């Protein structure tokens, strides 16, 4: 049961992380991000796991 709980927690955290990135992309499109927030967004998008989850080539 520990393994299943650990995987469920990881999956939930991944969902929150991806949702946060999508929110930041939306805010960036509206010009609402600061330079520092934009830098964090670009760093998150430069992650292979994120690119796979968002299906970015």
Protein backbone atom coordinates (compact mmCIF):
# COMPACT_ATOMS: atom_id res chain seq x y z
CA UNK A 1 0.00 0.00 0.00
CA UNK A 2 2.90 2.36 0.65
CA UNK A 3 3.99 2.20 -2.98
CA UNK A 4 0.51 3.05 -4.23
CA UNK A 5 0.18 5.98 -1.83
CA UNK A 6 3.57 7.28 -2.87
CA UNK A 7 2.66 7.07 -6.57
CA UNK A 8 -0.70 8.75 -5.94
CA UNK A 9 0.99 11.59 -4.07
CA UNK A 10 3.55 12.00 -6.86
CA UNK A 11 0.82 12.03 -9.53
CA UNK A 12 -1.16 14.62 -7.59
CA UNK A 13 1.90 16.86 -7.22
CA UNK A 14 2.59 16.52 -10.95
CA UNK A 15 -0.97 17.57 -11.74
CA UNK A 16 -0.64 20.63 -9.52
CA UNK A 17 2.71 21.53 -11.11
CA UNK A 18 1.32 21.25 -14.64
CA UNK A 19 -1.80 23.24 -13.67
CA UNK A 20 0.45 25.95 -12.25
CA UNK A 21 2.50 26.08 -15.45
CA UNK A 22 -0.66 26.33 -17.56
CA UNK A 23 -1.89 29.19 -15.38
CA UNK A 24 1.44 30.95 -15.77
CA UNK A 25 1.30 30.49 -19.56
CA UNK A 26 -2.13 32.08 -19.58
CA UNK A 27 -0.93 34.98 -17.42
CA UNK A 28 2.11 35.41 -19.65
CA UNK A 29 -0.13 35.60 -22.73
CA UNK A 30 -2.03 38.44 -21.04
CA UNK A 31 1.22 40.19 -20.09
CA UNK A 32 0.65 39.81 -16.36
CA UNK A 33 3.95 38.16 -15.36
CA UNK A 34 6.95 39.99 -13.99
CA UNK A 35 10.39 39.36 -15.42
CA UNK A 36 11.18 37.03 -12.55
CA UNK A 37 7.96 35.04 -12.94
CA UNK A 38 8.59 34.76 -16.68
CA UNK A 39 12.10 33.47 -15.97
CA UNK A 40 10.63 30.79 -13.69
CA UNK A 41 8.11 29.86 -16.37
CA UNK A 42 10.80 29.47 -19.02
CA UNK A 43 12.88 27.36 -16.62
CA UNK A 44 9.88 25.10 -15.98
CA UNK A 45 9.28 24.74 -19.72
CA UNK A 46 12.93 23.77 -20.22
CA UNK A 47 12.31 20.58 -18.24
CA UNK A 48 11.93 17.32 -20.18
CA UNK A 49 9.25 16.01 -17.81
CA UNK A 50 7.20 19.18 -18.30
CA UNK A 51 7.65 19.14 -22.05
CA UNK A 52 6.45 15.53 -22.16
CA UNK A 53 3.44 16.24 -19.95
CA UNK A 54 2.44 19.25 -22.07
CA UNK A 55 3.24 17.38 -25.31
CA UNK A 56 5.68 20.05 -26.47
CA UNK A 57 8.08 18.84 -29.15
